[in-house]
N, C-alpha and C. Protein backbone atom coordinates (compact mmCIF):
# COMPACT_ATOMS: atom_id res chain seq x y z
N UNK A 1 132.14 107.65 111.18
CA UNK A 1 132.54 108.98 111.59
C UNK A 1 131.72 109.35 112.81
N UNK A 2 132.40 109.72 113.88
CA UNK A 2 131.75 110.06 115.13
C UNK A 2 131.76 111.57 115.30
N UNK A 3 130.64 112.22 114.98
CA UNK A 3 130.58 113.67 115.08
C UNK A 3 129.68 114.07 116.23
N UNK A 4 129.97 115.24 116.77
CA UNK A 4 129.16 115.75 117.88
C UNK A 4 127.83 116.23 117.34
N UNK A 5 126.82 116.27 118.20
CA UNK A 5 125.51 116.73 117.78
C UNK A 5 125.49 118.22 117.53
N UNK A 6 124.48 118.67 116.81
CA UNK A 6 124.30 120.09 116.56
C UNK A 6 123.06 120.56 117.29
N UNK A 7 122.77 121.83 117.17
CA UNK A 7 121.58 122.37 117.83
C UNK A 7 120.33 121.74 117.23
N UNK A 8 120.31 121.62 115.90
CA UNK A 8 119.14 121.04 115.23
C UNK A 8 119.02 119.54 115.46
N UNK A 9 120.15 118.85 115.56
CA UNK A 9 120.14 117.40 115.73
C UNK A 9 121.07 117.03 116.89
N UNK A 10 120.59 117.18 118.12
CA UNK A 10 121.45 116.85 119.26
C UNK A 10 121.68 115.35 119.37
N UNK A 11 122.78 114.99 120.03
CA UNK A 11 123.07 113.58 120.23
C UNK A 11 121.99 112.92 121.06
N UNK A 12 121.46 113.64 122.03
CA UNK A 12 120.40 113.13 122.88
C UNK A 12 119.33 114.18 123.03
N UNK A 13 118.10 113.75 123.25
CA UNK A 13 117.02 114.70 123.45
C UNK A 13 116.78 114.99 124.92
N UNK A 14 117.55 114.34 125.79
CA UNK A 14 117.42 114.59 127.22
C UNK A 14 118.22 115.83 127.57
N UNK A 15 117.58 116.92 128.02
CA UNK A 15 118.30 118.17 128.30
C UNK A 15 119.36 118.01 129.37
N UNK A 16 119.18 117.09 130.30
CA UNK A 16 120.16 116.94 131.37
C UNK A 16 121.44 116.28 130.88
N UNK A 17 121.35 115.52 129.78
CA UNK A 17 122.52 114.84 129.25
C UNK A 17 123.24 115.66 128.19
N UNK A 18 122.65 116.78 127.77
CA UNK A 18 123.29 117.62 126.76
C UNK A 18 124.41 118.43 127.39
N UNK A 19 125.41 118.71 126.60
CA UNK A 19 126.55 119.48 127.10
C UNK A 19 126.10 120.92 127.36
N UNK A 20 126.61 121.53 128.43
CA UNK A 20 126.23 122.93 128.69
C UNK A 20 126.82 123.85 127.63
N UNK A 21 126.18 124.97 127.43
CA UNK A 21 126.66 125.92 126.43
C UNK A 21 127.98 126.52 126.89
N UNK A 22 128.95 126.57 125.99
CA UNK A 22 130.25 127.13 126.32
C UNK A 22 130.32 128.55 125.77
N UNK A 23 130.94 129.46 126.50
CA UNK A 23 131.05 130.83 125.97
C UNK A 23 131.97 130.85 124.76
N UNK A 24 131.65 131.69 123.81
CA UNK A 24 132.45 131.80 122.60
C UNK A 24 133.75 132.52 122.89
N UNK A 25 134.82 132.13 122.23
CA UNK A 25 136.12 132.78 122.43
C UNK A 25 136.18 134.12 121.71
N UNK A 26 135.31 134.32 120.72
CA UNK A 26 135.34 135.58 119.97
C UNK A 26 134.59 136.70 120.68
N UNK A 27 133.74 136.35 121.65
CA UNK A 27 132.98 137.38 122.35
C UNK A 27 133.71 137.78 123.62
N UNK A 28 133.64 139.04 123.98
CA UNK A 28 134.28 139.45 125.23
C UNK A 28 133.52 138.86 126.42
N UNK A 29 134.27 138.50 127.45
CA UNK A 29 133.63 137.90 128.61
C UNK A 29 133.19 138.97 129.59
N UNK A 30 132.18 138.64 130.38
CA UNK A 30 131.72 139.56 131.41
C UNK A 30 130.69 140.56 130.95
N UNK A 31 130.28 140.52 129.69
CA UNK A 31 129.32 141.49 129.18
C UNK A 31 127.93 140.89 128.97
N UNK A 32 127.75 139.65 129.32
CA UNK A 32 126.46 138.99 129.08
C UNK A 32 125.43 139.52 130.07
N UNK A 33 124.21 139.71 129.56
CA UNK A 33 123.11 140.11 130.42
C UNK A 33 122.70 138.89 131.23
N UNK A 34 122.20 139.08 132.41
CA UNK A 34 121.90 137.95 133.29
C UNK A 34 120.87 137.00 132.67
N UNK A 35 120.00 137.50 131.79
CA UNK A 35 119.00 136.62 131.16
C UNK A 35 119.64 135.64 130.18
N UNK A 36 120.80 135.96 129.66
CA UNK A 36 121.41 135.14 128.63
C UNK A 36 122.61 134.37 129.16
N UNK A 37 122.68 134.13 130.43
CA UNK A 37 123.78 133.34 130.98
C UNK A 37 123.50 131.87 130.77
N UNK A 38 124.39 131.02 131.25
CA UNK A 38 124.22 129.59 131.04
C UNK A 38 122.98 129.06 131.73
N UNK A 39 122.58 129.62 132.84
CA UNK A 39 121.37 129.15 133.50
C UNK A 39 120.15 129.36 132.62
N UNK A 40 120.07 130.49 131.94
CA UNK A 40 118.95 130.75 131.04
C UNK A 40 118.92 129.78 129.89
N UNK A 41 120.10 129.48 129.34
CA UNK A 41 120.16 128.54 128.22
C UNK A 41 119.75 127.15 128.67
N UNK A 42 120.21 126.73 129.84
CA UNK A 42 119.83 125.41 130.35
C UNK A 42 118.34 125.36 130.62
N UNK A 43 117.80 126.45 131.18
CA UNK A 43 116.37 126.50 131.45
C UNK A 43 115.55 126.41 130.18
N UNK A 44 116.00 127.09 129.12
CA UNK A 44 115.25 127.04 127.87
C UNK A 44 115.36 125.65 127.25
N UNK A 45 116.51 124.98 127.46
CA UNK A 45 116.64 123.61 126.95
C UNK A 45 115.67 122.69 127.65
N UNK A 46 115.51 122.89 128.95
CA UNK A 46 114.62 122.02 129.69
C UNK A 46 113.17 122.32 129.36
N UNK A 47 112.90 123.49 128.80
CA UNK A 47 111.55 123.83 128.39
C UNK A 47 111.11 123.00 127.19
N UNK A 48 112.07 122.58 126.38
CA UNK A 48 111.72 121.76 125.22
C UNK A 48 111.29 120.39 125.70
N UNK A 49 110.04 120.08 125.49
CA UNK A 49 109.54 118.78 125.93
C UNK A 49 109.71 117.76 124.82
N UNK A 50 109.62 116.51 125.19
CA UNK A 50 109.73 115.44 124.21
C UNK A 50 108.63 115.54 123.17
N UNK A 51 107.43 115.92 123.63
CA UNK A 51 106.32 116.03 122.68
C UNK A 51 106.60 117.11 121.64
N UNK A 52 107.16 118.22 122.06
CA UNK A 52 107.44 119.29 121.10
C UNK A 52 108.52 118.86 120.11
N UNK A 53 109.48 118.08 120.59
CA UNK A 53 110.54 117.63 119.68
C UNK A 53 110.02 116.60 118.69
N UNK A 54 108.97 115.90 119.06
CA UNK A 54 108.43 114.85 118.17
C UNK A 54 107.33 115.36 117.26
N UNK A 55 106.96 116.63 117.36
CA UNK A 55 105.89 117.18 116.51
C UNK A 55 106.22 117.05 115.03
N UNK A 56 107.44 117.41 114.58
CA UNK A 56 107.72 117.24 113.13
C UNK A 56 107.60 115.79 112.69
N UNK A 57 108.04 114.85 113.53
CA UNK A 57 107.91 113.44 113.16
C UNK A 57 106.44 113.04 113.07
N UNK A 58 105.63 113.52 114.00
CA UNK A 58 104.21 113.19 113.98
C UNK A 58 103.54 113.79 112.73
N UNK A 59 103.93 115.01 112.38
CA UNK A 59 103.37 115.63 111.17
C UNK A 59 103.78 114.84 109.93
N UNK A 60 105.05 114.45 109.87
CA UNK A 60 105.51 113.67 108.72
C UNK A 60 104.79 112.33 108.65
N UNK A 61 104.60 111.70 109.82
CA UNK A 61 103.90 110.41 109.84
C UNK A 61 102.46 110.57 109.37
N UNK A 62 101.79 111.64 109.83
CA UNK A 62 100.40 111.88 109.41
C UNK A 62 100.33 112.16 107.91
N UNK A 63 101.32 112.93 107.42
CA UNK A 63 101.36 113.24 105.99
C UNK A 63 101.56 111.96 105.17
N UNK A 64 102.47 111.11 105.60
CA UNK A 64 102.71 109.88 104.87
C UNK A 64 101.49 108.95 104.94
N UNK A 65 100.82 108.93 106.09
CA UNK A 65 99.61 108.10 106.21
C UNK A 65 98.55 108.59 105.21
N UNK A 66 98.41 109.91 105.12
CA UNK A 66 97.43 110.48 104.18
C UNK A 66 97.81 110.15 102.74
N UNK A 67 99.10 110.26 102.41
CA UNK A 67 99.56 109.94 101.05
C UNK A 67 99.33 108.47 100.73
N UNK A 68 99.60 107.57 101.70
CA UNK A 68 99.36 106.15 101.47
C UNK A 68 97.87 105.88 101.27
N UNK A 69 97.04 106.58 102.05
CA UNK A 69 95.60 106.41 101.91
C UNK A 69 95.14 106.87 100.52
N UNK A 70 95.66 108.01 100.07
CA UNK A 70 95.31 108.50 98.73
C UNK A 70 95.78 107.53 97.65
N UNK A 71 96.98 106.97 97.81
CA UNK A 71 97.50 106.03 96.82
C UNK A 71 96.64 104.77 96.78
N UNK A 72 96.21 104.31 97.95
CA UNK A 72 95.35 103.12 97.99
C UNK A 72 94.01 103.40 97.30
N UNK A 73 93.43 104.58 97.53
CA UNK A 73 92.18 104.94 96.86
C UNK A 73 92.38 105.00 95.34
N UNK A 74 93.51 105.54 94.93
CA UNK A 74 93.81 105.62 93.49
C UNK A 74 93.93 104.22 92.89
N UNK A 75 94.59 103.32 93.61
CA UNK A 75 94.71 101.94 93.11
C UNK A 75 93.35 101.27 93.01
N UNK A 76 92.49 101.49 94.01
CA UNK A 76 91.14 100.91 93.96
C UNK A 76 90.37 101.44 92.76
N UNK A 77 90.48 102.75 92.52
CA UNK A 77 89.77 103.35 91.38
C UNK A 77 90.28 102.77 90.07
N UNK A 78 91.59 102.59 89.96
CA UNK A 78 92.14 102.03 88.72
C UNK A 78 91.71 100.58 88.53
N UNK A 79 91.65 99.82 89.63
CA UNK A 79 91.17 98.42 89.52
C UNK A 79 89.72 98.39 89.08
N UNK A 80 88.90 99.31 89.59
CA UNK A 80 87.50 99.36 89.21
C UNK A 80 87.35 99.69 87.73
N UNK A 81 88.12 100.67 87.26
CA UNK A 81 88.06 101.04 85.84
C UNK A 81 88.49 99.86 84.97
N UNK A 82 89.56 99.18 85.38
CA UNK A 82 90.03 98.02 84.61
C UNK A 82 88.99 96.91 84.61
N UNK A 83 88.36 96.66 85.76
CA UNK A 83 87.35 95.60 85.83
C UNK A 83 86.16 95.92 84.94
N UNK A 84 85.73 97.18 84.91
CA UNK A 84 84.59 97.55 84.05
C UNK A 84 84.96 97.40 82.58
N UNK A 85 86.18 97.79 82.24
CA UNK A 85 86.62 97.65 80.84
C UNK A 85 86.65 96.18 80.44
N UNK A 86 87.17 95.33 81.31
CA UNK A 86 87.21 93.90 81.00
C UNK A 86 85.81 93.31 80.92
N UNK A 87 84.90 93.80 81.76
CA UNK A 87 83.52 93.31 81.71
C UNK A 87 82.87 93.66 80.38
N UNK A 88 83.07 94.89 79.92
CA UNK A 88 82.50 95.28 78.61
C UNK A 88 83.10 94.45 77.49
N UNK A 89 84.41 94.22 77.58
CA UNK A 89 85.06 93.40 76.56
C UNK A 89 84.49 91.98 76.56
N UNK A 90 84.26 91.41 77.74
CA UNK A 90 83.70 90.06 77.84
C UNK A 90 82.28 90.02 77.30
N UNK A 91 81.49 91.07 77.57
CA UNK A 91 80.12 91.12 77.04
C UNK A 91 80.12 91.17 75.52
N UNK A 92 81.04 91.97 74.95
CA UNK A 92 81.11 92.02 73.48
C UNK A 92 81.53 90.68 72.90
N UNK A 93 82.48 90.01 73.56
CA UNK A 93 82.91 88.70 73.07
C UNK A 93 81.76 87.69 73.18
N UNK A 94 80.97 87.79 74.23
CA UNK A 94 79.82 86.89 74.40
C UNK A 94 78.80 87.13 73.29
N UNK A 95 78.54 88.40 72.97
CA UNK A 95 77.59 88.70 71.89
C UNK A 95 78.09 88.17 70.54
N UNK A 96 79.41 88.32 70.28
CA UNK A 96 79.96 87.79 69.03
C UNK A 96 79.81 86.27 68.97
N UNK A 97 80.05 85.63 70.11
CA UNK A 97 79.92 84.16 70.14
C UNK A 97 78.47 83.74 69.91
N UNK A 98 77.52 84.46 70.49
CA UNK A 98 76.08 84.16 70.27
C UNK A 98 75.70 84.33 68.80
N UNK A 99 76.18 85.43 68.22
CA UNK A 99 75.86 85.67 66.79
C UNK A 99 76.46 84.56 65.93
N UNK A 100 77.70 84.20 66.24
CA UNK A 100 78.37 83.16 65.45
C UNK A 100 77.61 81.83 65.58
N UNK A 101 77.16 81.54 66.80
CA UNK A 101 76.40 80.31 67.02
C UNK A 101 75.05 80.36 66.28
N UNK A 102 74.41 81.51 66.33
CA UNK A 102 73.12 81.65 65.65
C UNK A 102 73.31 81.51 64.13
N UNK A 103 74.37 82.09 63.61
CA UNK A 103 74.62 81.98 62.17
C UNK A 103 74.90 80.51 61.79
N UNK A 104 75.62 79.81 62.64
CA UNK A 104 75.94 78.40 62.35
C UNK A 104 74.70 77.54 62.40
N UNK A 105 73.79 77.84 63.33
CA UNK A 105 72.57 77.06 63.43
C UNK A 105 71.65 77.35 62.24
N UNK A 106 71.61 78.57 61.80
CA UNK A 106 70.70 78.96 60.70
C UNK A 106 71.12 78.33 59.38
N UNK A 107 72.37 78.04 59.18
CA UNK A 107 72.80 77.52 57.87
C UNK A 107 72.68 76.06 57.76
């Protein structure tokens, strides 16, 4: 489906390649204030810089980087907890084996 761009999601971010604003058919013509003519709209479009348009993407990228960092820290913490639990279990098994060996030697 080939749809035209919207104000929020233009087909291109280059202001010179965007279609000029067309007057609405429902509004009477000739009553626009000079500040709101097509020149003003084109000027405001050109004011939007690429950096400003990419700010939400940069924020989302930073947020995702932070979330990935937190997830990695959580995984490290869980691995540490698991390793300590396994170490305690191995120590208890070693003590049981020593006791069993000592009991076998004593008899």
